[in-house]
Amino acid sequence: MRFVLSCCVVVGLSVLAGLSRGEEATADSAEVKETRRLIDAELPRWSFQTAGKREVKLEPKSLLRWSNPGTGRVFGDLYVATDEGRPVVVMSLFYAWQPANGFHVELHSLTAGELTGRRAGVATWSPSRPGMVMKGVPESGKPAGTAVARLAQMKAMAREFSVVLEDRRVSDAGEEQALRLLSQPLYRYPAGMPGAVDGGLFAFALGTDPEIFVLLEGRETEWQYGLVRMNDGALQVLYEGKEVQRFERATERDHEHDPYVLKRVTP
């Protein structure tokens, strides 16, 4: 998640410095409560369709309630839309209270196919290029025979990835941040899903704020992976210490035909 800091950050931090811990906790509690209210109202406004106008399922339960204290008072929830069990969209809804940047939606396509996102029935997002390309995990071998063993395989592969973010939220010059792998998959494929033995969606985060996702998918003879950003800063991704993908800084964040979108919305 990325938003632009303003000059009010210094003022805001100065004000916070004068608050007691109890006052800060009360402020956070009120902001979290209001954020949840806004998200609960916003989520039903969204729907997604694949090619042929087939509706996909926007899962109503949040995968992750996150915050990022290193960038201010920002609170959000992460959701996924699935097509026959496979994730095709990740969506984050969040409110930036300090700095005061308001309510946002952040979207990324997880499919190479066509996709349309609608808000309150109006088409607002239709990526014109693939959101994610799957590649073979080097020397991964076949998926194991049981769900427990496959989860162990996925966790082991996820730990071999590492990610560095050029973070411009605090400094315009950018500050390199090594992202932290969240130890459990945020989403696990259901049993019996067509075309895949198993799969899981992992995240690398600052605080608990996901900045990039790794989708691991078990096919009949191998494991594959796909990477999608959730931050407009430059990202370097390594596997077993070797670079496998680099995301350049995104200069546009709200173009309706891009697979990655971050924009402010009016609640």
Foldseek 3Di string as FASTA:
>chain_A
DDDAADPCLVVVVVVVVPDDPVVVVVVLVVVQVVQVVVCVVFVVQKWKAFPVRHTWAWDPDFLDWFAFPVLANKTWTWTFTDDLQHTFKIKIWMAHPVVHPGIKIKMFTPAQGWMFMGGNRHTQATAPGGRKDKDFDPPLWAQDDDPVSNQVSVLVQVVQKWKWWQGPSVPVVGDIDTWAKDRHFSGKGDPPRPFFRIKGKIFTHRGRHGAKIWIWTGGGTGIIIIIHGRYQTWMFMDGNRHTDDIDHRDPAARDRRHSIHMDHDDD
